[in-house]
């Protein structure tokens, strides 16, 4: 694969390597020469400009670059990896639901919201009594109550899903 998407401080550039000395950067053809100075130091010549680059690798696709004294964080992905990332983000966004689970075994004392009602992040939604203390459970995100799986007076075990919150469907 000779097609890459490079994100430099969150600005994406499409790079295609055409030959050992020619690349396309966002569709513009450029001649380049890359010389290795040491393990992490390079000189990159693009057109008439020469860049002094020092690299540090954070992960398989994430790097820190010091280019002519300016620091940048960058990711390098193949175009296929980039498409997969975009699709994954879209799927997560489409199916984003938060749930509130019982932090410990207890008794549901009060439901403060009903299915269909809107909640704000941090708003109290359920009171759970555990070890003779009332625990005020708050919404982890803003949205609409999609489902409530308990009633007042129900006993629940630790990690039991009490309710789900999703996108506002109104």
C-alpha atoms as a PDB file:
ATOM      1  CA  UNK A   1       0.000   0.000   0.000  1.00  0.00           C
ATOM      2  CA  UNK A   2       1.381   3.370  -1.008  1.00  0.00           C
ATOM      3  CA  UNK A   3      -1.632   5.475   0.009  1.00  0.00           C
ATOM      4  CA  UNK A   4      -1.649   7.034   3.472  1.00  0.00           C
ATOM      5  CA  UNK A   5      -3.599   9.530   5.554  1.00  0.00           C
ATOM      6  CA  UNK A   6      -1.331  11.585   7.797  1.00  0.00           C
ATOM      7  CA  UNK A   7      -2.848  13.661  10.611  1.00  0.00           C
ATOM      8  CA  UNK A   8      -0.506  16.401  11.769  1.00  0.00           C
ATOM      9  CA  UNK A   9      -1.930  18.205  14.833  1.00  0.00           C
ATOM     10  CA  UNK A  10      -5.428  17.074  13.710  1.00  0.00           C
ATOM     11  CA  UNK A  11      -5.032  18.344  10.115  1.00  0.00           C
ATOM     12  CA  UNK A  12      -5.342  15.456   7.660  1.00  0.00           C
ATOM     13  CA  UNK A  13      -3.290  15.141   4.479  1.00  0.00           C
ATOM     14  CA  UNK A  14      -3.600  12.408   1.854  1.00  0.00           C
ATOM     15  CA  UNK A  15      -0.198  11.107   0.810  1.00  0.00           C
ATOM     16  CA  UNK A  16       0.471   8.785  -2.117  1.00  0.00           C
ATOM     17  CA  UNK A  17       3.967   7.516  -2.876  1.00  0.00           C
ATOM     18  CA  UNK A  18       4.334   7.420  -6.658  1.00  0.00           C
ATOM     19  CA  UNK A  19       8.003   6.418  -6.847  1.00  0.00           C
ATOM     20  CA  UNK A  20      11.202   6.539  -4.795  1.00  0.00           C
ATOM     21  CA  UNK A  21      11.379  10.323  -5.238  1.00  0.00           C
ATOM     22  CA  UNK A  22       7.835  11.500  -6.096  1.00  0.00           C
ATOM     23  CA  UNK A  23       4.761  11.824  -3.873  1.00  0.00           C
ATOM     24  CA  UNK A  24       1.292  13.319  -4.093  1.00  0.00           C
ATOM     25  CA  UNK A  25       0.220  15.489  -1.143  1.00  0.00           C
ATOM     26  CA  UNK A  26      -3.536  16.142  -1.378  1.00  0.00           C
ATOM     27  CA  UNK A  27      -3.276  15.572  -5.134  1.00  0.00           C
ATOM     28  CA  UNK A  28      -0.280  17.893  -5.689  1.00  0.00           C
ATOM     29  CA  UNK A  29       2.821  16.166  -7.053  1.00  0.00           C
ATOM     30  CA  UNK A  30       6.074  16.873  -5.191  1.00  0.00           C
ATOM     31  CA  UNK A  31       9.629  15.612  -5.534  1.00  0.00           C
ATOM     32  CA  UNK A  32      11.292  14.590  -2.290  1.00  0.00           C
ATOM     33  CA  UNK A  33      14.507  13.214  -0.887  1.00  0.00           C
ATOM     34  CA  UNK A  34      14.714  11.620   2.560  1.00  0.00           C
ATOM     35  CA  UNK A  35      18.109  11.092   4.192  1.00  0.00           C
ATOM     36  CA  UNK A  36      18.617   9.250   7.474  1.00  0.00           C
ATOM     37  CA  UNK A  37      21.045  11.089   9.767  1.00  0.00           C
ATOM     38  CA  UNK A  38      20.680   8.717  12.767  1.00  0.00           C
ATOM     39  CA  UNK A  39      18.106   6.316  14.240  1.00  0.00           C
ATOM     40  CA  UNK A  40      15.559   9.067  14.919  1.00  0.00           C
ATOM     41  CA  UNK A  41      16.868  11.994  12.850  1.00  0.00           C
ATOM     42  CA  UNK A  42      16.170  12.672   9.188  1.00  0.00           C
ATOM     43  CA  UNK A  43      16.599  15.392   6.591  1.00  0.00           C
ATOM     44  CA  UNK A  44      13.602  15.724   4.265  1.00  0.00           C
ATOM     45  CA  UNK A  45      13.838  17.814   1.125  1.00  0.00           C
ATOM     46  CA  UNK A  46      10.559  18.691  -0.598  1.00  0.00           C
ATOM     47  CA  UNK A  47      10.977  21.029  -3.535  1.00  0.00           C
ATOM     48  CA  UNK A  48      13.494  23.681  -2.434  1.00  0.00           C
ATOM     49  CA  UNK A  49      12.818  23.302   1.325  1.00  0.00           C
ATOM     50  CA  UNK A  50      14.877  21.124   3.654  1.00  0.00           C
ATOM     51  CA  UNK A  51      13.344  19.996   6.954  1.00  0.00           C
ATOM     52  CA  UNK A  52      15.309  18.723   9.957  1.00  0.00           C
ATOM     53  CA  UNK A  53      13.110  16.025  11.546  1.00  0.00           C
ATOM     54  CA  UNK A  54      13.501  14.137  14.824  1.00  0.00           C
ATOM     55  CA  UNK A  55      10.990  11.349  15.487  1.00  0.00           C
ATOM     56  CA  UNK A  56       9.687   9.446  18.491  1.00  0.00           C
ATOM     57  CA  UNK A  57       7.242   6.556  18.133  1.00  0.00           C
ATOM     58  CA  UNK A  58       4.323   6.314  20.590  1.00  0.00           C
ATOM     59  CA  UNK A  59       2.450   3.386  19.001  1.00  0.00           C
ATOM     60  CA  UNK A  60       2.159   1.553  15.686  1.00  0.00           C
ATOM     61  CA  UNK A  61       0.577   4.603  14.024  1.00  0.00           C
ATOM     62  CA  UNK A  62       1.261   7.536  16.395  1.00  0.00           C
ATOM     63  CA  UNK A  63       4.455   9.603  16.365  1.00  0.00           C
ATOM     64  CA  UNK A  64       5.921  12.735  17.867  1.00  0.00           C
ATOM     65  CA  UNK A  65       7.835  14.879  15.377  1.00  0.00           C
ATOM     66  CA  UNK A  66      10.204  17.758  15.985  1.00  0.00           C
ATOM     67  CA  UNK A  67      10.369  19.581  12.641  1.00  0.00           C
ATOM     68  CA  UNK A  68      12.786  22.508  12.507  1.00  0.00           C
ATOM     69  CA  UNK A  69      12.294  23.056  16.244  1.00  0.00           C
ATOM     70  CA  UNK A  70       8.466  22.839  16.191  1.00  0.00           C
ATOM     71  CA  UNK A  71       6.734  19.884  17.899  1.00  0.00           C
ATOM     72  CA  UNK A  72       3.877  18.002  16.200  1.00  0.00           C
ATOM     73  CA  UNK A  73       1.874  14.903  17.077  1.00  0.00           C
ATOM     74  CA  UNK A  74       0.988  12.794  14.085  1.00  0.00           C
ATOM     75  CA  UNK A  75      -0.762   9.599  13.126  1.00  0.00           C
ATOM     76  CA  UNK A  76      -0.008   7.681   9.961  1.00  0.00           C
ATOM     77  CA  UNK A  77      -2.618   5.266   8.632  1.00  0.00           C
ATOM     78  CA  UNK A  78      -3.178   3.519   5.339  1.00  0.00           C
ATOM     79  CA  UNK A  79      -6.290   4.766   3.542  1.00  0.00           C
ATOM     80  CA  UNK A  80      -7.930   1.431   4.409  1.00  0.00           C
ATOM     81  CA  UNK A  81      -7.155   1.892   8.139  1.00  0.00           C
ATOM     82  CA  UNK A  82      -8.526   5.457   7.964  1.00  0.00           C
ATOM     83  CA  UNK A  83     -11.798   4.296   6.349  1.00  0.00           C
ATOM     84  CA  UNK A  84     -12.161   1.566   8.998  1.00  0.00           C
ATOM     85  CA  UNK A  85     -11.624   4.173  11.759  1.00  0.00           C
ATOM     86  CA  UNK A  86     -14.241   6.496  10.242  1.00  0.00           C
ATOM     87  CA  UNK A  87     -16.799   3.676   9.921  1.00  0.00           C
ATOM     88  CA  UNK A  88     -16.111   2.564  13.488  1.00  0.00           C
ATOM     89  CA  UNK A  89     -16.668   6.111  14.787  1.00  0.00           C
ATOM     90  CA  UNK A  90     -19.915   6.434  12.806  1.00  0.00           C
ATOM     91  CA  UNK A  91     -21.182   3.127  14.194  1.00  0.00           C
ATOM     92  CA  UNK A  92     -20.315   4.160  17.758  1.00  0.00           C
ATOM     93  CA  UNK A  93     -22.042   7.513  17.226  1.00  0.00           C
ATOM     94  CA  UNK A  94     -25.168   5.859  15.784  1.00  0.00           C
ATOM     95  CA  UNK A  95     -25.425   3.310  18.604  1.00  0.00           C
ATOM     96  CA  UNK A  96     -24.357   5.508  21.502  1.00  0.00           C
ATOM     97  CA  UNK A  97     -26.279   4.591  24.631  1.00  0.00           C
ATOM     98  CA  UNK A  98     -25.172   5.044  28.217  1.00  0.00           C
ATOM     99  CA  UNK A  99     -26.441   2.879  31.004  1.00  0.00           C
ATOM    100  CA  UNK A 100     -26.589   3.294  34.742  1.00  0.00           C
ATOM    101  CA  UNK A 101     -25.628   0.174  36.664  1.00  0.00           C
ATOM    102  CA  UNK A 102     -26.059  -0.521  40.352  1.00  0.00           C
ATOM    103  CA  UNK A 103     -22.700   0.294  41.987  1.00  0.00           C
ATOM    104  CA  UNK A 104     -23.470  -2.278  44.737  1.00  0.00           C
ATOM    105  CA  UNK A 105     -26.351  -4.534  45.805  1.00  0.00           C
ATOM    106  CA  UNK A 106     -29.266  -2.469  47.032  1.00  0.00           C
ATOM    107  CA  UNK A 107     -32.912  -1.453  46.951  1.00  0.00           C
ATOM    108  CA  UNK A 108     -34.405   0.965  44.399  1.00  0.00           C
ATOM    109  CA  UNK A 109     -35.998   3.643  46.596  1.00  0.00           C
ATOM    110  CA  UNK A 110     -37.008   6.274  44.018  1.00  0.00           C
ATOM    111  CA  UNK A 111     -37.129   6.628  40.231  1.00  0.00           C
ATOM    112  CA  UNK A 112     -36.838  10.341  39.452  1.00  0.00           C
ATOM    113  CA  UNK A 113     -37.431  10.003  35.689  1.00  0.00           C
ATOM    114  CA  UNK A 114     -39.690   7.997  33.383  1.00  0.00           C
ATOM    115  CA  UNK A 115     -39.099   6.474  29.944  1.00  0.00           C
ATOM    116  CA  UNK A 116     -39.081   9.218  27.295  1.00  0.00           C
ATOM    117  CA  UNK A 117     -38.072  12.034  29.633  1.00  0.00           C
ATOM    118  CA  UNK A 118     -34.988  14.133  28.931  1.00  0.00           C
ATOM    119  CA  UNK A 119     -32.059  14.268  31.354  1.00  0.00           C
ATOM    120  CA  UNK A 120     -28.960  16.404  31.620  1.00  0.00           C
ATOM    121  CA  UNK A 121     -25.531  15.021  32.428  1.00  0.00           C
ATOM    122  CA  UNK A 122     -25.112  14.898  36.209  1.00  0.00           C
ATOM    123  CA  UNK A 123     -28.856  15.059  36.899  1.00  0.00           C
ATOM    124  CA  UNK A 124     -30.160  12.707  39.606  1.00  0.00           C
ATOM    125  CA  UNK A 125     -32.206   9.843  38.108  1.00  0.00           C
ATOM    126  CA  UNK A 126     -32.398   7.028  40.700  1.00  0.00           C
ATOM    127  CA  UNK A 127     -32.024   6.729  44.472  1.00  0.00           C
ATOM    128  CA  UNK A 128     -30.557   3.361  45.495  1.00  0.00           C
ATOM    129  CA  UNK A 129     -30.380   2.338  49.158  1.00  0.00           C
ATOM    130  CA  UNK A 130     -27.408   0.188  50.106  1.00  0.00           C
ATOM    131  CA  UNK A 131     -26.120  -0.584  53.613  1.00  0.00           C
ATOM    132  CA  UNK A 132     -28.739   1.778  55.114  1.00  0.00           C
ATOM    133  CA  UNK A 133     -27.419   4.709  53.036  1.00  0.00           C
ATOM    134  CA  UNK A 134     -29.099   6.371  50.065  1.00  0.00           C
ATOM    135  CA  UNK A 135     -26.994   6.646  46.904  1.00  0.00           C
ATOM    136  CA  UNK A 136     -28.012   9.315  44.411  1.00  0.00           C
ATOM    137  CA  UNK A 137     -27.243   7.896  40.935  1.00  0.00           C
ATOM    138  CA  UNK A 138     -26.707  10.549  38.286  1.00  0.00           C
ATOM    139  CA  UNK A 139     -26.972  10.536  34.484  1.00  0.00           C
ATOM    140  CA  UNK A 140     -23.553   9.937  32.865  1.00  0.00           C
ATOM    141  CA  UNK A 141     -24.636  11.924  29.787  1.00  0.00           C
ATOM    142  CA  UNK A 142     -27.428  14.121  28.497  1.00  0.00           C
ATOM    143  CA  UNK A 143     -30.166  12.480  26.460  1.00  0.00           C
ATOM    144  CA  UNK A 144     -33.479  10.711  26.674  1.00  0.00           C
ATOM    145  CA  UNK A 145     -34.397   7.836  29.006  1.00  0.00           C
ATOM    146  CA  UNK A 146     -34.816   4.888  26.619  1.00  0.00           C
ATOM    147  CA  UNK A 147     -35.525   2.040  29.047  1.00  0.00           C
ATOM    148  CA  UNK A 148     -35.952   1.545  32.780  1.00  0.00           C
ATOM    149  CA  UNK A 149     -35.397  -2.032  33.931  1.00  0.00           C
ATOM    150  CA  UNK A 150     -36.462  -1.670  37.588  1.00  0.00           C
ATOM    151  CA  UNK A 151     -39.369  -0.446  39.697  1.00  0.00           C
ATOM    152  CA  UNK A 152     -39.333   1.266  43.063  1.00  0.00           C
ATOM    153  CA  UNK A 153     -38.922  -1.409  45.736  1.00  0.00           C
ATOM    154  CA  UNK A 154     -36.869  -3.789  43.531  1.00  0.00           C
ATOM    155  CA  UNK A 155     -33.730  -5.353  44.982  1.00  0.00           C
ATOM    156  CA  UNK A 156     -30.778  -5.327  42.577  1.00  0.00           C
ATOM    157  CA  UNK A 157     -27.345  -6.906  42.463  1.00  0.00           C
ATOM    158  CA  UNK A 158     -24.095  -5.074  41.767  1.00  0.00           C
ATOM    159  CA  UNK A 159     -23.674  -4.128  38.054  1.00  0.00           C
ATOM    160  CA  UNK A 160     -27.360  -4.730  37.261  1.00  0.00           C
ATOM    161  CA  UNK A 161     -28.374  -2.306  34.470  1.00  0.00           C
ATOM    162  CA  UNK A 162     -31.002   0.010  35.934  1.00  0.00           C
ATOM    163  CA  UNK A 163     -31.715   2.225  32.904  1.00  0.00           C
ATOM    164  CA  UNK A 164     -30.348   3.350  29.533  1.00  0.00           C
ATOM    165  CA  UNK A 165     -29.966   6.850  28.151  1.00  0.00           C
ATOM    166  CA  UNK A 166     -29.667   7.571  24.425  1.00  0.00           C
ATOM    167  CA  UNK A 167     -29.937  10.317  21.857  1.00  0.00           C
ATOM    168  CA  UNK A 168     -32.956  12.590  22.123  1.00  0.00           C
ATOM    169  CA  UNK A 169     -35.451  10.935  19.758  1.00  0.00           C
ATOM    170  CA  UNK A 170     -38.061  13.708  19.840  1.00  0.00           C
END
